[in-house]
PDB file of N, CA and C in Angstrom:
ATOM      1  N   MET A   1      96.850  89.151 118.100  1.00  0.00           N
ATOM      2  CA  MET A   1      96.836  90.318 119.225  1.00  0.00           C
ATOM      3  C   MET A   1      95.647  90.719 119.219  1.00  0.00           C
ATOM      4  N   SER A   2      95.004  90.928 120.585  1.00  0.00           N
ATOM      5  CA  SER A   2      93.819  91.447 120.448  1.00  0.00           C
ATOM      6  C   SER A   2      93.619  93.188 120.294  1.00  0.00           C
ATOM      7  N   SER A   3      92.844  93.724 119.607  1.00  0.00           N
ATOM      8  CA  SER A   3      92.670  95.066 119.691  1.00  0.00           C
ATOM      9  C   SER A   3      92.200  95.881 120.758  1.00  0.00           C
ATOM     10  N   THR A   4      91.044  95.228 121.370  1.00  0.00           N
ATOM     11  CA  THR A   4      90.424  95.631 122.300  1.00  0.00           C
ATOM     12  C   THR A   4      91.388  95.976 123.625  1.00  0.00           C
ATOM     13  N   ARG A   5      91.337  96.995 124.497  1.00  0.00           N
ATOM     14  CA  ARG A   5      92.328  97.013 125.612  1.00  0.00           C
ATOM     15  C   ARG A   5      91.248  97.234 126.949  1.00  0.00           C
ATOM     16  N   GLU A   6      91.650  96.529 127.877  1.00  0.00           N
ATOM     17  CA  GLU A   6      91.081  96.382 129.382  1.00  0.00           C
ATOM     18  C   GLU A   6      91.240  97.579 129.735  1.00  0.00           C
ATOM     19  N   MET A   7      90.091  98.024 130.292  1.00  0.00           N
ATOM     20  CA  MET A   7      89.912  99.214 131.045  1.00  0.00           C
ATOM     21  C   MET A   7      90.198  99.014 132.634  1.00  0.00           C
ATOM     22  N   PRO A   8      91.063  99.590 133.011  1.00  0.00           N
ATOM     23  CA  PRO A   8      91.297  99.417 134.272  1.00  0.00           C
ATOM     24  C   PRO A   8      90.243  99.437 135.557  1.00  0.00           C
ATOM     25  N   ILE A   9      90.011  98.688 136.592  1.00  0.00           N
ATOM     26  CA  ILE A   9      89.228  98.595 137.496  1.00  0.00           C
ATOM     27  C   ILE A   9      89.298  99.514 138.896  1.00  0.00           C
ATOM     28  N   VAL A  10      88.619 100.396 139.364  1.00  0.00           N
ATOM     29  CA  VAL A  10      88.787 101.194 140.398  1.00  0.00           C
ATOM     30  C   VAL A  10      88.225 100.514 141.078  1.00  0.00           C
ATOM     31  N   GLU A  11      88.717 100.090 142.528  1.00  0.00           N
ATOM     32  CA  GLU A  11      88.049  99.621 144.082  1.00  0.00           C
ATOM     33  C   GLU A  11      87.536 100.463 144.879  1.00  0.00           C
ATOM     34  N   LEU A  12      86.362 100.380 145.008  1.00  0.00           N
ATOM     35  CA  LEU A  12      85.611 101.527 145.977  1.00  0.00           C
ATOM     36  C   LEU A  12      85.099 101.004 147.239  1.00  0.00           C
ATOM     37  N   THR A  13      85.176 101.525 148.313  1.00  0.00           N
ATOM     38  CA  THR A  13      84.429 101.122 149.571  1.00  0.00           C
ATOM     39  C   THR A  13      83.352 102.228 149.618  1.00  0.00           C
ATOM     40  N   ALA A  14      82.348 101.608 150.561  1.00  0.00           N
ATOM     41  CA  ALA A  14      81.242 102.841 150.935  1.00  0.00           C
ATOM     42  C   ALA A  14      81.745 104.111 151.266  1.00  0.00           C
ATOM     43  N   ALA A  15      82.772 104.175 151.950  1.00  0.00           N
ATOM     44  CA  ALA A  15      83.010 105.249 152.126  1.00  0.00           C
ATOM     45  C   ALA A  15      83.399 106.297 150.905  1.00  0.00           C
ATOM     46  N   ASP A  16      83.779 105.981 149.788  1.00  0.00           N
ATOM     47  CA  ASP A  16      83.874 106.111 148.695  1.00  0.00           C
ATOM     48  C   ASP A  16      83.046 106.646 147.998  1.00  0.00           C
ATOM     49  N   LEU A  17      81.452 106.551 148.267  1.00  0.00           N
ATOM     50  CA  LEU A  17      80.525 106.824 147.538  1.00  0.00           C
ATOM     51  C   LEU A  17      80.225 108.349 148.165  1.00  0.00           C
ATOM     52  N   PRO A  18      79.037 108.630 146.978  1.00  0.00           N
ATOM     53  CA  PRO A  18      78.748 108.534 145.856  1.00  0.00           C
ATOM     54  C   PRO A  18      80.119 108.136 144.828  1.00  0.00           C
ATOM     55  N   ALA A  19      79.826 107.768 144.169  1.00  0.00           N
ATOM     56  CA  ALA A  19      81.080 107.341 142.822  1.00  0.00           C
ATOM     57  C   ALA A  19      80.671 108.170 141.640  1.00  0.00           C
ATOM     58  N   PHE A  20      82.103 108.525 141.195  1.00  0.00           N
ATOM     59  CA  PHE A  20      82.052 109.404 140.061  1.00  0.00           C
ATOM     60  C   PHE A  20      83.502 108.981 139.417  1.00  0.00           C
ATOM     61  N   CYS A  21      82.764 109.761 137.875  1.00  0.00           N
ATOM     62  CA  CYS A  21      84.158 109.680 137.281  1.00  0.00           C
ATOM     63  C   CYS A  21      84.469 111.141 136.259  1.00  0.00           C
ATOM     64  N   PRO A  22      85.552 111.858 136.138  1.00  0.00           N
ATOM     65  CA  PRO A  22      86.949 111.017 136.657  1.00  0.00           C
ATOM     66  C   PRO A  22      87.309 111.285 138.186  1.00  0.00           C
ATOM     67  N   ASN A  23      87.997 110.310 138.556  1.00  0.00           N
ATOM     68  CA  ASN A  23      88.061 110.390 139.888  1.00  0.00           C
ATOM     69  C   ASN A  23      89.275 111.197 140.091  1.00  0.00           C
ATOM     70  N   GLN A  24      89.382 111.261 141.511  1.00  0.00           N
ATOM     71  CA  GLN A  24      90.673 112.254 141.673  1.00  0.00           C
ATOM     72  C   GLN A  24      92.097 111.845 141.306  1.00  0.00           C
ATOM     73  N   LYS A  25      92.602 110.707 141.003  1.00  0.00           N
ATOM     74  CA  LYS A  25      93.664 110.348 140.862  1.00  0.00           C
ATOM     75  C   LYS A  25      94.066 110.018 138.774  1.00  0.00           C
ATOM     76  N   MET A  26      92.948 110.479 137.964  1.00  0.00           N
ATOM     77  CA  MET A  26      93.174 110.580 136.824  1.00  0.00           C
ATOM     78  C   MET A  26      93.832 111.908 136.577  1.00  0.00           C
ATOM     79  N   PRO A  27      95.035 111.941 135.685  1.00  0.00           N
ATOM     80  CA  PRO A  27      95.686 112.705 134.952  1.00  0.00           C
ATOM     81  C   PRO A  27      94.714 114.300 134.657  1.00  0.00           C
ATOM     82  N   ILE A  28      95.069 115.286 135.054  1.00  0.00           N
ATOM     83  CA  ILE A  28      94.223 116.463 134.201  1.00  0.00           C
ATOM     84  C   ILE A  28      93.695 116.411 132.541  1.00  0.00           C
ATOM     85  N   TRP A  29      95.097 115.823 132.320  1.00  0.00           N
ATOM     86  CA  TRP A  29      94.768 116.056 130.485  1.00  0.00           C
ATOM     87  C   TRP A  29      93.449 114.765 130.162  1.00  0.00           C
ATOM     88  N   ASN A  30      93.184 113.914 131.387  1.00  0.00           N
ATOM     89  CA  ASN A  30      92.389 112.740 131.019  1.00  0.00           C
ATOM     90  C   ASN A  30      90.837 113.041 131.214  1.00  0.00           C
ATOM     91  N   HIS A  31      90.588 114.165 131.744  1.00  0.00           N
ATOM     92  CA  HIS A  31      89.051 114.606 132.253  1.00  0.00           C
ATOM     93  C   HIS A  31      88.495 114.785 131.246  1.00  0.00           C
ATOM     94  N   HIS A  32      87.048 114.210 131.695  1.00  0.00           N
ATOM     95  CA  HIS A  32      85.820 114.326 130.809  1.00  0.00           C
ATOM     96  C   HIS A  32      84.590 114.982 131.792  1.00  0.00           C
ATOM     97  N   PRO A  33      83.626 115.217 131.593  1.00  0.00           N
ATOM     98  CA  PRO A  33      82.540 115.695 132.312  1.00  0.00           C
ATOM     99  C   PRO A  33      82.531 114.791 133.418  1.00  0.00           C
ATOM    100  N   ARG A  34      81.998 115.514 134.727  1.00  0.00           N
ATOM    101  CA  ARG A  34      81.848 114.295 135.691  1.00  0.00           C
ATOM    102  C   ARG A  34      80.471 113.672 135.515  1.00  0.00           C
ATOM    103  N   VAL A  35      80.790 112.435 135.807  1.00  0.00           N
ATOM    104  CA  VAL A  35      79.160 111.286 135.694  1.00  0.00           C
ATOM    105  C   VAL A  35      79.461 110.693 136.960  1.00  0.00           C
ATOM    106  N   PHE A  36      78.160 110.773 137.682  1.00  0.00           N
ATOM    107  CA  PHE A  36      78.104 109.732 138.833  1.00  0.00           C
ATOM    108  C   PHE A  36      77.646 108.479 138.585  1.00  0.00           C
ATOM    109  N   LEU A  37      78.409 107.483 139.252  1.00  0.00           N
ATOM    110  CA  LEU A  37      77.943 105.884 138.517  1.00  0.00           C
ATOM    111  C   LEU A  37      77.415 105.119 139.976  1.00  0.00           C
ATOM    112  N   GLU A  38      76.449 104.501 139.660  1.00  0.00           N
ATOM    113  CA  GLU A  38      75.692 103.577 140.798  1.00  0.00           C
ATOM    114  C   GLU A  38      75.957 102.353 140.704  1.00  0.00           C
ATOM    115  N   VAL A  39      76.872 102.232 141.782  1.00  0.00           N
ATOM    116  CA  VAL A  39      77.777 101.068 141.873  1.00  0.00           C
ATOM    117  C   VAL A  39      77.076 100.349 143.437  1.00  0.00           C
ATOM    118  N   ALA A  40      76.169 101.037 143.926  1.00  0.00           N
ATOM    119  CA  ALA A  40      75.970 100.443 145.372  1.00  0.00           C
ATOM    120  C   ALA A  40      74.670  99.070 145.093  1.00  0.00           C
ATOM    121  N   THR A  41      74.101  99.519 144.179  1.00  0.00           N
ATOM    122  CA  THR A  41      73.215  98.267 143.790  1.00  0.00           C
ATOM    123  C   THR A  41      73.509  97.232 143.010  1.00  0.00           C
ATOM    124  N   THR A  42      74.523  97.367 142.188  1.00  0.00           N
ATOM    125  CA  THR A  42      74.944  96.529 141.088  1.00  0.00           C
ATOM    126  C   THR A  42      76.485  96.036 141.765  1.00  0.00           C
ATOM    127  N   GLY A  43      76.909  96.600 142.359  1.00  0.00           N
ATOM    128  CA  GLY A  43      78.423  96.403 142.885  1.00  0.00           C
ATOM    129  C   GLY A  43      79.076  96.771 141.975  1.00  0.00           C
ATOM    130  N   GLU A  44      79.165  97.204 140.668  1.00  0.00           N
ATOM    131  CA  GLU A  44      79.777  97.655 139.574  1.00  0.00           C
ATOM    132  C   GLU A  44      79.056  98.331 138.519  1.00  0.00           C
ATOM    133  N   ALA A  45      80.170  99.334 138.118  1.00  0.00           N
ATOM    134  CA  ALA A  45      79.746 100.155 137.062  1.00  0.00           C
ATOM    135  C   ALA A  45      80.841 100.671 135.948  1.00  0.00           C
ATOM    136  N   SER A  46      80.539 100.756 134.853  1.00  0.00           N
ATOM    137  CA  SER A  46      81.266 100.996 134.049  1.00  0.00           C
ATOM    138  C   SER A  46      81.286 103.021 133.465  1.00  0.00           C
ATOM    139  N   CYS A  47      82.132 103.592 133.426  1.00  0.00           N
ATOM    140  CA  CYS A  47      82.044 105.244 133.007  1.00  0.00           C
ATOM    141  C   CYS A  47      81.679 105.371 131.613  1.00  0.00           C
ATOM    142  N   PRO A  48      80.563 105.899 131.375  1.00  0.00           N
ATOM    143  CA  PRO A  48      80.468 105.883 129.618  1.00  0.00           C
ATOM    144  C   PRO A  48      80.986 106.859 128.745  1.00  0.00           C
ATOM    145  N   TYR A  49      81.951 107.509 129.192  1.00  0.00           N
ATOM    146  CA  TYR A  49      82.842 108.528 128.671  1.00  0.00           C
ATOM    147  C   TYR A  49      84.088 107.841 128.267  1.00  0.00           C
ATOM    148  N   CYS A  50      84.725 107.307 129.532  1.00  0.00           N
ATOM    149  CA  CYS A  50      86.250 106.813 129.230  1.00  0.00           C
ATOM    150  C   CYS A  50      86.348 104.991 129.528  1.00  0.00           C
ATOM    151  N   GLY A  51      85.358 104.664 129.854  1.00  0.00           N
ATOM    152  CA  GLY A  51      85.071 102.915 129.891  1.00  0.00           C
ATOM    153  C   GLY A  51      85.797 102.505 131.490  1.00  0.00           C
ATOM    154  N   THR A  52      86.344 103.425 132.296  1.00  0.00           N
ATOM    155  CA  THR A  52      87.092 103.021 133.352  1.00  0.00           C
ATOM    156  C   THR A  52      85.894 102.367 134.155  1.00  0.00           C
ATOM    157  N   ARG A  53      86.399 101.043 134.690  1.00  0.00           N
ATOM    158  CA  ARG A  53      85.418 100.170 135.401  1.00  0.00           C
ATOM    159  C   ARG A  53      85.522 100.553 136.996  1.00  0.00           C
ATOM    160  N   TYR A  54      84.444 100.765 137.831  1.00  0.00           N
ATOM    161  CA  TYR A  54      84.271 100.803 139.468  1.00  0.00           C
ATOM    162  C   TYR A  54      83.895 100.179 139.985  1.00  0.00           C
ATOM    163  N   ARG A  55      84.120  99.039 140.821  1.00  0.00           N
ATOM    164  CA  ARG A  55      83.789  98.113 141.752  1.00  0.00           C
ATOM    165  C   ARG A  55      83.359  98.257 143.229  1.00  0.00           C
ATOM    166  N   LEU A  56      82.508  97.820 143.723  1.00  0.00           N
ATOM    167  CA  LEU A  56      82.394  98.249 144.937  1.00  0.00           C
ATOM    168  C   LEU A  56      82.810  96.778 146.002  1.00  0.00           C
ATOM    169  N   VAL A  57      83.796  97.365 146.737  1.00  0.00           N
ATOM    170  CA  VAL A  57      84.442  96.173 147.918  1.00  0.00           C
ATOM    171  C   VAL A  57      83.978  96.407 149.185  1.00  0.00           C
ATOM    172  N   GLY A  58      83.246  95.200 149.758  1.00  0.00           N
ATOM    173  CA  GLY A  58      82.435  95.382 150.755  1.00  0.00           C
ATOM    174  C   GLY A  58      81.220  95.472 151.119  1.00  0.00           C
ATOM    175  N   ALA A  59      80.725  95.583 152.284  1.00  0.00           N
ATOM    176  CA  ALA A  59      79.223  96.145 152.135  1.00  0.00           C
ATOM    177  C   ALA A  59      78.801  97.580 151.582  1.00  0.00           C
ATOM    178  N   ALA A  60      77.926  97.631 150.909  1.00  0.00           N
ATOM    179  CA  ALA A  60      76.980  98.583 150.541  1.00  0.00           C
ATOM    180  C   ALA A  60      76.481  99.260 151.900  1.00  0.00           C
ATOM    181  N   PRO A  61      76.573 100.722 151.614  1.00  0.00           N
ATOM    182  CA  PRO A  61      76.035 101.523 153.055  1.00  0.00           C
ATOM    183  C   PRO A  61      74.870 101.350 153.359  1.00  0.00           C
ATOM    184  N   ALA A  62      74.249 101.261 154.508  1.00  0.00           N
ATOM    185  CA  ALA A  62      72.759 101.169 154.902  1.00  0.00           C
ATOM    186  C   ALA A  62      72.068 101.951 154.229  1.00  0.00           C
ATOM    187  N   GLY A  63      70.967 101.695 153.682  1.00  0.00           N
ATOM    188  CA  GLY A  63      70.007 102.183 152.964  1.00  0.00           C
ATOM    189  C   GLY A  63      69.926 102.380 151.452  1.00  0.00           C
ATOM    190  N   HIS A  64      71.130 101.525 151.133  1.00  0.00           N
ATOM    191  CA  HIS A  64      71.318 101.476 149.598  1.00  0.00           C
ATOM    192  C   HIS A  64      70.816 100.255 149.032  1.00  0.00           C
TER     193      HIS A  64
END
């Protein structure tokens, strides 16, 4: 049995940008300082606090 846990993936669209964690769906007891994540250029980013992964689905907004 593996001891590493797979972190959830949150899929975002261009309308959800700018991306930040913790997101609105996370329970209040699980909050940490807000951090903005760059997903428009790379397509994916991980939160440095909790490890939640964010993935951009669809096209990035114009200008990014």
